[in-house]
Amino acid sequence: MVKKFKWVYLFLLLFLFQLPVQGEGKLIFDHADLLLEDKYSELSSLAEEISQESEIDIIVIIEENLKGNGIDIEKYTQDAYDQYKFGYEKEYGNTAILTIDLKGREVYLAGFGDYQKYLTNSRLDEIREDITPFLSENKFDLAIEQFIKEVDRHIGMPISPNNIFLKTWFQLIIALIIAATIVGIMLFNMGGKVTVSHQTYVDNSRIKAKRDVFTYKTVTRTKIPKNDNNSGGGGVTSGGHSHTGSRGSF
């Protein structure tokens, strides 16, 4: 059985060596023949356009059944980067990779090169969470399109575009709070001087001693369950190239 898996893995690796020959600049590798020709062309054009604008190779790899053949999706993605030598206008440069295992129902996202600062583990988690509903409904073309657009949204942003501080509604609330504070200060400064205090109304002769006795407290601990469908993260390829990552199932 182990020998069988080794042969399958070697067979899949042949794709890695063949890809540069099949066409330089190719960004979507549909080894499962999932996408129709027109949809493949549409997504390839989108990936090429965004890659040029954002100066990053946006790669999509679709496999039929990595998990069923004993192949780890993260390791396969790492080997793909090593073998393809991806990178915008240079080998092993800025790259974002989406790998989909159809029958294994797994997905892995990775960021390579200097743009790891824009495609951090947490940001890739956000992108994966955005595309997972499409993957779960087998709308793979929409998932790929969303992945490409989300990568474009994140590149060049010092913080995640999903950060609450960048939300219009949050900025509006902050503006209203600041405005209300300024008006409050102005009204306060316009008022007369206060000549009374709490001592004005206190009859010290009628105050009696009072004390509170602390008896006991009860502490309740609630365990927060973890989502087993989410795992992975970044790492280093066999070729020594570091990367960020996000892994999940759908």
C-alpha atoms as a PDB file:
ATOM      1  CA  MET A   1       0.000   0.000   0.000  1.00  0.00           C
ATOM      2  CA  VAL A   2       2.842   2.373   0.880  1.00  0.00           C
ATOM      3  CA  LYS A   3       4.544   1.565  -2.422  1.00  0.00           C
ATOM      4  CA  LYS A   4       1.300   2.354  -4.254  1.00  0.00           C
ATOM      5  CA  PHE A   5       1.065   5.773  -2.601  1.00  0.00           C
ATOM      6  CA  LYS A   6       4.669   6.480  -3.546  1.00  0.00           C
ATOM      7  CA  TRP A   7       3.927   5.765  -7.201  1.00  0.00           C
ATOM      8  CA  VAL A   8       0.836   7.968  -7.110  1.00  0.00           C
ATOM      9  CA  TYR A   9       2.810  10.796  -5.513  1.00  0.00           C
ATOM     10  CA  LEU A  10       5.547  10.483  -8.143  1.00  0.00           C
ATOM     11  CA  PHE A  11       2.894  10.565 -10.855  1.00  0.00           C
ATOM     12  CA  LEU A  12       1.432  13.790  -9.458  1.00  0.00           C
ATOM     13  CA  LEU A  13       4.874  15.315  -9.183  1.00  0.00           C
ATOM     14  CA  LEU A  14       5.268  14.831 -12.935  1.00  0.00           C
ATOM     15  CA  PHE A  15       2.719  17.602 -13.335  1.00  0.00           C
ATOM     16  CA  LEU A  16       5.032  19.882 -11.458  1.00  0.00           C
ATOM     17  CA  PHE A  17       7.839  19.330 -13.941  1.00  0.00           C
ATOM     18  CA  GLN A  18       5.544  19.551 -16.954  1.00  0.00           C
ATOM     19  CA  LEU A  19       3.837  22.819 -16.014  1.00  0.00           C
ATOM     20  CA  PRO A  20       6.605  25.238 -17.061  1.00  0.00           C
ATOM     21  CA  VAL A  21       6.715  23.510 -20.443  1.00  0.00           C
ATOM     22  CA  GLN A  22       2.958  23.717 -20.878  1.00  0.00           C
ATOM     23  CA  GLY A  23       3.041  27.493 -20.956  1.00  0.00           C
ATOM     24  CA  GLU A  24       5.066  30.148 -19.227  1.00  0.00           C
ATOM     25  CA  GLY A  25       2.929  32.484 -17.176  1.00  0.00           C
ATOM     26  CA  LYS A  26       0.167  29.939 -16.605  1.00  0.00           C
ATOM     27  CA  LEU A  27      -1.601  30.651 -13.328  1.00  0.00           C
ATOM     28  CA  ILE A  28      -4.468  28.148 -13.042  1.00  0.00           C
ATOM     29  CA  PHE A  29      -3.683  24.423 -13.115  1.00  0.00           C
ATOM     30  CA  ASP A  30      -6.857  22.367 -13.346  1.00  0.00           C
ATOM     31  CA  HIS A  31      -5.584  18.805 -13.035  1.00  0.00           C
ATOM     32  CA  ALA A  32      -9.119  17.571 -12.320  1.00  0.00           C
ATOM     33  CA  ASP A  33     -10.642  19.074 -15.505  1.00  0.00           C
ATOM     34  CA  LEU A  34     -13.172  20.811 -13.285  1.00  0.00           C
ATOM     35  CA  LEU A  35     -13.605  24.129 -15.072  1.00  0.00           C
ATOM     36  CA  LEU A  36     -15.346  24.597 -18.386  1.00  0.00           C
ATOM     37  CA  GLU A  37     -13.201  26.159 -21.092  1.00  0.00           C
ATOM     38  CA  ASP A  38     -14.914  29.548 -21.038  1.00  0.00           C
ATOM     39  CA  LYS A  39     -14.798  29.737 -17.234  1.00  0.00           C
ATOM     40  CA  TYR A  40     -11.149  28.665 -17.232  1.00  0.00           C
ATOM     41  CA  SER A  41     -10.295  31.439 -19.678  1.00  0.00           C
ATOM     42  CA  GLU A  42     -12.267  33.999 -17.668  1.00  0.00           C
ATOM     43  CA  LEU A  43     -10.569  33.129 -14.379  1.00  0.00           C
ATOM     44  CA  SER A  44      -7.141  32.940 -16.012  1.00  0.00           C
ATOM     45  CA  SER A  45      -7.601  36.444 -17.434  1.00  0.00           C
ATOM     46  CA  LEU A  46      -8.702  37.754 -14.039  1.00  0.00           C
ATOM     47  CA  ALA A  47      -5.735  36.130 -12.299  1.00  0.00           C
ATOM     48  CA  GLU A  48      -3.353  37.569 -14.907  1.00  0.00           C
ATOM     49  CA  GLU A  49      -4.843  41.054 -14.581  1.00  0.00           C
ATOM     50  CA  ILE A  50      -4.706  41.120 -10.778  1.00  0.00           C
ATOM     51  CA  SER A  51      -1.229  39.559 -10.757  1.00  0.00           C
ATOM     52  CA  GLN A  52       0.074  42.379 -12.941  1.00  0.00           C
ATOM     53  CA  GLU A  53      -1.648  45.095 -10.919  1.00  0.00           C
ATOM     54  CA  SER A  54      -0.580  43.755  -7.521  1.00  0.00           C
ATOM     55  CA  GLU A  55       2.824  42.423  -8.636  1.00  0.00           C
ATOM     56  CA  ILE A  56       2.216  38.920  -7.308  1.00  0.00           C
ATOM     57  CA  ASP A  57       1.675  35.537  -8.958  1.00  0.00           C
ATOM     58  CA  ILE A  58      -1.820  34.328  -8.058  1.00  0.00           C
ATOM     59  CA  ILE A  59      -1.822  30.564  -8.517  1.00  0.00           C
ATOM     60  CA  VAL A  60      -4.720  28.097  -8.348  1.00  0.00           C
ATOM     61  CA  ILE A  61      -4.119  24.334  -8.296  1.00  0.00           C
ATOM     62  CA  ILE A  62      -7.064  21.930  -8.491  1.00  0.00           C
ATOM     63  CA  GLU A  63      -6.459  18.246  -7.709  1.00  0.00           C
ATOM     64  CA  GLU A  64      -8.839  15.308  -7.833  1.00  0.00           C
ATOM     65  CA  ASN A  65      -7.963  13.398  -4.675  1.00  0.00           C
ATOM     66  CA  LEU A  66      -4.771  14.248  -2.807  1.00  0.00           C
ATOM     67  CA  LYS A  67      -5.999  13.050   0.581  1.00  0.00           C
ATOM     68  CA  GLY A  68      -7.263   9.749  -0.779  1.00  0.00           C
ATOM     69  CA  ASN A  69      -3.829   9.083  -2.265  1.00  0.00           C
ATOM     70  CA  GLY A  70      -2.053   9.791   1.003  1.00  0.00           C
ATOM     71  CA  ILE A  71      -0.680  13.169  -0.075  1.00  0.00           C
ATOM     72  CA  ASP A  72      -0.703  16.073   2.360  1.00  0.00           C
ATOM     73  CA  ILE A  73      -2.172  19.186   0.737  1.00  0.00           C
ATOM     74  CA  GLU A  74       0.222  21.577   2.495  1.00  0.00           C
ATOM     75  CA  LYS A  75       3.295  19.555   1.501  1.00  0.00           C
ATOM     76  CA  TYR A  76       1.998  19.344  -2.066  1.00  0.00           C
ATOM     77  CA  THR A  77       1.577  23.125  -2.193  1.00  0.00           C
ATOM     78  CA  GLN A  78       5.105  23.604  -0.876  1.00  0.00           C
ATOM     79  CA  ASP A  79       6.521  21.219  -3.482  1.00  0.00           C
ATOM     80  CA  ALA A  80       4.598  23.054  -6.188  1.00  0.00           C
ATOM     81  CA  TYR A  81       6.262  26.348  -5.238  1.00  0.00           C
ATOM     82  CA  ASP A  82       9.693  24.728  -5.208  1.00  0.00           C
ATOM     83  CA  GLN A  83       9.214  23.032  -8.573  1.00  0.00           C
ATOM     84  CA  TYR A  84       7.363  25.783 -10.463  1.00  0.00           C
ATOM     85  CA  LYS A  85       9.677  28.523  -9.153  1.00  0.00           C
ATOM     86  CA  PHE A  86       6.699  30.863  -8.955  1.00  0.00           C
ATOM     87  CA  GLY A  87       7.132  34.588  -8.414  1.00  0.00           C
ATOM     88  CA  TYR A  88       6.217  37.869 -10.027  1.00  0.00           C
ATOM     89  CA  GLU A  89       8.885  38.604 -12.666  1.00  0.00           C
ATOM     90  CA  LYS A  90      11.437  36.467 -10.818  1.00  0.00           C
ATOM     91  CA  GLU A  91      11.883  32.948  -9.498  1.00  0.00           C
ATOM     92  CA  TYR A  92      10.666  32.291  -5.965  1.00  0.00           C
ATOM     93  CA  GLY A  93       9.093  35.726  -5.652  1.00  0.00           C
ATOM     94  CA  ASN A  94       5.756  37.060  -4.430  1.00  0.00           C
ATOM     95  CA  THR A  95       3.130  34.353  -4.778  1.00  0.00           C
ATOM     96  CA  ALA A  96      -0.312  33.476  -3.452  1.00  0.00           C
ATOM     97  CA  ILE A  97      -1.416  29.868  -3.936  1.00  0.00           C
ATOM     98  CA  LEU A  98      -4.832  28.274  -3.563  1.00  0.00           C
ATOM     99  CA  THR A  99      -4.816  24.467  -3.633  1.00  0.00           C
ATOM    100  CA  ILE A 100      -8.136  22.597  -3.739  1.00  0.00           C
ATOM    101  CA  ASP A 101      -8.507  18.857  -3.108  1.00  0.00           C
ATOM    102  CA  LEU A 102     -11.914  17.969  -4.560  1.00  0.00           C
ATOM    103  CA  LYS A 103     -12.582  14.508  -3.121  1.00  0.00           C
ATOM    104  CA  GLY A 104     -10.526  15.116   0.003  1.00  0.00           C
ATOM    105  CA  ARG A 105     -12.646  18.254   0.610  1.00  0.00           C
ATOM    106  CA  GLU A 106      -9.599  20.177   1.783  1.00  0.00           C
ATOM    107  CA  VAL A 107      -8.238  23.584   0.856  1.00  0.00           C
ATOM    108  CA  TYR A 108      -4.903  25.235   1.538  1.00  0.00           C
ATOM    109  CA  LEU A 109      -3.851  28.847   1.011  1.00  0.00           C
ATOM    110  CA  ALA A 110      -0.225  29.984   1.079  1.00  0.00           C
ATOM    111  CA  GLY A 111       1.676  33.245   0.701  1.00  0.00           C
ATOM    112  CA  PHE A 112       5.321  33.417  -0.411  1.00  0.00           C
ATOM    113  CA  GLY A 113       7.912  36.136  -0.859  1.00  0.00           C
ATOM    114  CA  ASP A 114       7.975  39.678   0.479  1.00  0.00           C
ATOM    115  CA  TYR A 115       4.181  39.910   0.370  1.00  0.00           C
ATOM    116  CA  GLN A 116       3.837  37.532   3.287  1.00  0.00           C
ATOM    117  CA  LYS A 117       3.446  40.764   5.271  1.00  0.00           C
ATOM    118  CA  TYR A 118       0.138  41.304   3.470  1.00  0.00           C
ATOM    119  CA  LEU A 119      -0.872  37.630   3.381  1.00  0.00           C
ATOM    120  CA  THR A 120      -0.281  36.700   7.013  1.00  0.00           C
ATOM    121  CA  ASN A 121      -1.701  33.537   8.558  1.00  0.00           C
ATOM    122  CA  SER A 122      -4.617  35.462  10.028  1.00  0.00           C
ATOM    123  CA  ARG A 123      -5.387  37.242   6.769  1.00  0.00           C
ATOM    124  CA  LEU A 124      -5.289  33.960   4.843  1.00  0.00           C
ATOM    125  CA  ASP A 125      -7.691  32.592   7.463  1.00  0.00           C
ATOM    126  CA  GLU A 126     -10.037  35.462   6.605  1.00  0.00           C
ATOM    127  CA  ILE A 127      -9.787  34.755   2.876  1.00  0.00           C
ATOM    128  CA  ARG A 128     -10.350  31.041   3.419  1.00  0.00           C
ATOM    129  CA  GLU A 129     -13.419  31.747   5.516  1.00  0.00           C
ATOM    130  CA  ASP A 130     -14.734  33.972   2.702  1.00  0.00           C
ATOM    131  CA  ILE A 131     -14.395  31.286   0.022  1.00  0.00           C
ATOM    132  CA  THR A 132     -15.391  28.228   2.094  1.00  0.00           C
ATOM    133  CA  PRO A 133     -19.175  28.714   1.616  1.00  0.00           C
ATOM    134  CA  PHE A 134     -18.655  28.564  -2.165  1.00  0.00           C
ATOM    135  CA  LEU A 135     -16.468  25.460  -1.850  1.00  0.00           C
ATOM    136  CA  SER A 136     -19.028  23.753   0.376  1.00  0.00           C
ATOM    137  CA  GLU A 137     -21.691  24.322  -2.300  1.00  0.00           C
ATOM    138  CA  ASN A 138     -19.328  23.057  -5.044  1.00  0.00           C
ATOM    139  CA  LYS A 139     -19.276  26.513  -6.624  1.00  0.00           C
ATOM    140  CA  PHE A 140     -15.571  26.257  -7.272  1.00  0.00           C
ATOM    141  CA  ASP A 141     -15.451  28.926  -9.966  1.00  0.00           C
ATOM    142  CA  LEU A 142     -16.914  31.481  -7.548  1.00  0.00           C
ATOM    143  CA  ALA A 143     -14.484  30.386  -4.827  1.00  0.00           C
ATOM    144  CA  ILE A 144     -11.530  30.883  -7.161  1.00  0.00           C
ATOM    145  CA  GLU A 145     -12.812  34.267  -8.320  1.00  0.00           C
ATOM    146  CA  GLN A 146     -13.305  35.371  -4.717  1.00  0.00           C
ATOM    147  CA  PHE A 147      -9.803  34.191  -3.795  1.00  0.00           C
ATOM    148  CA  ILE A 148      -8.229  36.236  -6.589  1.00  0.00           C
ATOM    149  CA  LYS A 149     -10.181  39.373  -5.645  1.00  0.00           C
ATOM    150  CA  GLU A 150      -9.465  38.975  -1.924  1.00  0.00           C
ATOM    151  CA  VAL A 151      -5.728  38.680  -2.535  1.00  0.00           C
ATOM    152  CA  ASP A 152      -5.937  41.929  -4.490  1.00  0.00           C
ATOM    153  CA  ARG A 153      -7.789  43.607  -1.576  1.00  0.00           C
ATOM    154  CA  HIS A 154      -5.104  42.680   0.930  1.00  0.00           C
ATOM    155  CA  ILE A 155      -1.995  43.577  -1.068  1.00  0.00           C
ATOM    156  CA  GLY A 156      -0.649  46.982  -0.040  1.00  0.00           C
ATOM    157  CA  MET A 157      -2.832  47.268   3.052  1.00  0.00           C
ATOM    158  CA  PRO A 158      -0.867  47.774   6.301  1.00  0.00           C
ATOM    159  CA  ILE A 159      -3.771  46.194   8.198  1.00  0.00           C
ATOM    160  CA  SER A 160      -6.460  43.799   7.080  1.00  0.00           C
ATOM    161  CA  PRO A 161      -9.149  45.465   4.931  1.00  0.00           C
ATOM    162  CA  ASN A 162     -11.619  43.618   7.155  1.00  0.00           C
ATOM    163  CA  ASN A 163     -10.362  45.463  10.241  1.00  0.00           C
ATOM    164  CA  ILE A 164     -13.188  47.149  12.138  1.00  0.00           C
ATOM    165  CA  PHE A 165     -11.372  50.514  12.053  1.00  0.00           C
ATOM    166  CA  LEU A 166     -11.761  50.543   8.262  1.00  0.00           C
ATOM    167  CA  LYS A 167     -15.508  49.911   8.370  1.00  0.00           C
ATOM    168  CA  THR A 168     -17.601  52.927   7.333  1.00  0.00           C
ATOM    169  CA  TRP A 169     -20.214  52.356  10.040  1.00  0.00           C
ATOM    170  CA  PHE A 170     -17.514  52.208  12.740  1.00  0.00           C
ATOM    171  CA  GLN A 171     -15.866  55.401  11.501  1.00  0.00           C
ATOM    172  CA  LEU A 172     -19.282  57.100  11.542  1.00  0.00           C
ATOM    173  CA  ILE A 173     -19.863  56.068  15.160  1.00  0.00           C
ATOM    174  CA  ILE A 174     -16.440  57.384  16.175  1.00  0.00           C
ATOM    175  CA  ALA A 175     -17.133  60.670  14.395  1.00  0.00           C
ATOM    176  CA  LEU A 176     -20.473  61.033  16.212  1.00  0.00           C
ATOM    177  CA  ILE A 177     -18.846  60.299  19.582  1.00  0.00           C
ATOM    178  CA  ILE A 178     -16.134  62.893  18.975  1.00  0.00           C
ATOM    179  CA  ALA A 179     -18.704  65.455  17.859  1.00  0.00           C
ATOM    180  CA  ALA A 180     -20.897  64.792  20.913  1.00  0.00           C
ATOM    181  CA  THR A 181     -17.876  65.096  23.203  1.00  0.00           C
ATOM    182  CA  ILE A 182     -16.886  68.449  21.718  1.00  0.00           C
ATOM    183  CA  VAL A 183     -20.435  69.793  22.039  1.00  0.00           C
ATOM    184  CA  GLY A 184     -20.618  68.547  25.642  1.00  0.00           C
ATOM    185  CA  ILE A 185     -17.377  70.301  26.559  1.00  0.00           C
ATOM    186  CA  MET A 186     -18.585  73.523  24.958  1.00  0.00           C
ATOM    187  CA  LEU A 187     -21.889  73.414  26.852  1.00  0.00           C
ATOM    188  CA  PHE A 188     -20.113  72.660  30.115  1.00  0.00           C
ATOM    189  CA  ASN A 189     -17.775  75.630  29.709  1.00  0.00           C
ATOM    190  CA  MET A 190     -20.724  77.903  28.953  1.00  0.00           C
ATOM    191  CA  GLY A 191     -22.450  77.102  32.259  1.00  0.00           C
ATOM    192  CA  GLY A 192     -22.136  79.152  35.530  1.00  0.00           C
ATOM    193  CA  LYS A 193     -19.832  78.290  38.395  1.00  0.00           C
ATOM    194  CA  VAL A 194     -21.174  75.628  40.720  1.00  0.00           C
ATOM    195  CA  THR A 195     -21.347  76.929  44.360  1.00  0.00           C
ATOM    196  CA  VAL A 196     -22.729  73.842  46.086  1.00  0.00           C
ATOM    197  CA  SER A 197     -21.339  70.401  46.730  1.00  0.00           C
ATOM    198  CA  HIS A 198     -22.506  67.181  48.287  1.00  0.00           C
ATOM    199  CA  GLN A 199     -21.604  68.591  51.719  1.00  0.00           C
ATOM    200  CA  THR A 200     -24.356  71.205  51.353  1.00  0.00           C
ATOM    201  CA  TYR A 201     -27.055  68.574  51.731  1.00  0.00           C
ATOM    202  CA  VAL A 202     -25.393  66.226  54.218  1.00  0.00           C
ATOM    203  CA  ASP A 203     -26.505  66.204  57.864  1.00  0.00           C
ATOM    204  CA  ASN A 204     -23.427  64.719  59.504  1.00  0.00           C
ATOM    205  CA  SER A 205     -25.324  64.217  62.793  1.00  0.00           C
ATOM    206  CA  ARG A 206     -27.623  61.615  61.200  1.00  0.00           C
ATOM    207  CA  ILE A 207     -24.990  59.468  59.466  1.00  0.00           C
ATOM    208  CA  LYS A 208     -24.647  55.979  60.918  1.00  0.00           C
ATOM    209  CA  ALA A 209     -21.854  53.487  60.341  1.00  0.00           C
ATOM    210  CA  LYS A 210     -22.459  50.852  57.730  1.00  0.00           C
ATOM    211  CA  ARG A 211     -20.371  47.966  56.506  1.00  0.00           C
ATOM    212  CA  ASP A 212     -20.594  45.183  53.945  1.00  0.00           C
ATOM    213  CA  VAL A 213     -19.380  41.694  54.782  1.00  0.00           C
ATOM    214  CA  PHE A 214     -17.928  39.643  51.921  1.00  0.00           C
ATOM    215  CA  THR A 215     -18.916  36.023  52.409  1.00  0.00           C
ATOM    216  CA  TYR A 216     -17.937  33.943  49.351  1.00  0.00           C
ATOM    217  CA  LYS A 217     -17.810  33.914  45.580  1.00  0.00           C
ATOM    218  CA  THR A 218     -18.514  31.311  42.936  1.00  0.00           C
ATOM    219  CA  VAL A 219     -16.379  31.019  39.795  1.00  0.00           C
ATOM    220  CA  THR A 220     -17.769  29.143  36.786  1.00  0.00           C
ATOM    221  CA  ARG A 221     -15.399  27.970  34.052  1.00  0.00           C
ATOM    222  CA  THR A 222     -16.695  27.276  30.548  1.00  0.00           C
ATOM    223  CA  LYS A 223     -14.545  25.448  28.047  1.00  0.00           C
ATOM    224  CA  ILE A 224     -14.592  27.022  24.581  1.00  0.00           C
ATOM    225  CA  PRO A 225     -14.649  24.297  21.912  1.00  0.00           C
ATOM    226  CA  LYS A 226     -12.170  24.502  19.052  1.00  0.00           C
ATOM    227  CA  ASN A 227     -13.098  24.136  15.400  1.00  0.00           C
ATOM    228  CA  ASP A 228     -11.311  20.987  14.222  1.00  0.00           C
ATOM    229  CA  ASN A 229     -11.898  21.922  10.585  1.00  0.00           C
ATOM    230  CA  ASN A 230      -9.376  24.754  10.808  1.00  0.00           C
ATOM    231  CA  SER A 231      -5.693  24.045  11.160  1.00  0.00           C
ATOM    232  CA  GLY A 232      -2.345  24.566   9.516  1.00  0.00           C
ATOM    233  CA  GLY A 233      -0.431  27.775   9.133  1.00  0.00           C
ATOM    234  CA  GLY A 234       2.882  28.778   7.635  1.00  0.00           C
ATOM    235  CA  GLY A 235       6.091  26.831   7.342  1.00  0.00           C
ATOM    236  CA  VAL A 236       9.182  26.234   5.218  1.00  0.00           C
ATOM    237  CA  THR A 237       9.352  24.235   1.987  1.00  0.00           C
ATOM    238  CA  SER A 238      11.877  21.481   1.315  1.00  0.00           C
ATOM    239  CA  GLY A 239      13.730  24.053  -0.775  1.00  0.00           C
ATOM    240  CA  GLY A 240      14.030  26.397   2.199  1.00  0.00           C
ATOM    241  CA  HIS A 241      11.367  28.935   1.212  1.00  0.00           C
ATOM    242  CA  SER A 242       9.292  30.307   4.084  1.00  0.00           C
ATOM    243  CA  HIS A 243       5.567  30.928   3.685  1.00  0.00           C
ATOM    244  CA  THR A 244       2.376  31.783   5.494  1.00  0.00           C
ATOM    245  CA  GLY A 245      -0.652  29.528   5.287  1.00  0.00           C
ATOM    246  CA  SER A 246      -4.210  28.604   6.188  1.00  0.00           C
ATOM    247  CA  ARG A 247      -5.752  25.147   5.995  1.00  0.00           C
ATOM    248  CA  GLY A 248      -9.308  23.950   6.302  1.00  0.00           C
ATOM    249  CA  SER A 249     -11.970  21.567   5.084  1.00  0.00           C
ATOM    250  CA  PHE A 250     -15.202  22.213   3.259  1.00  0.00           C
END
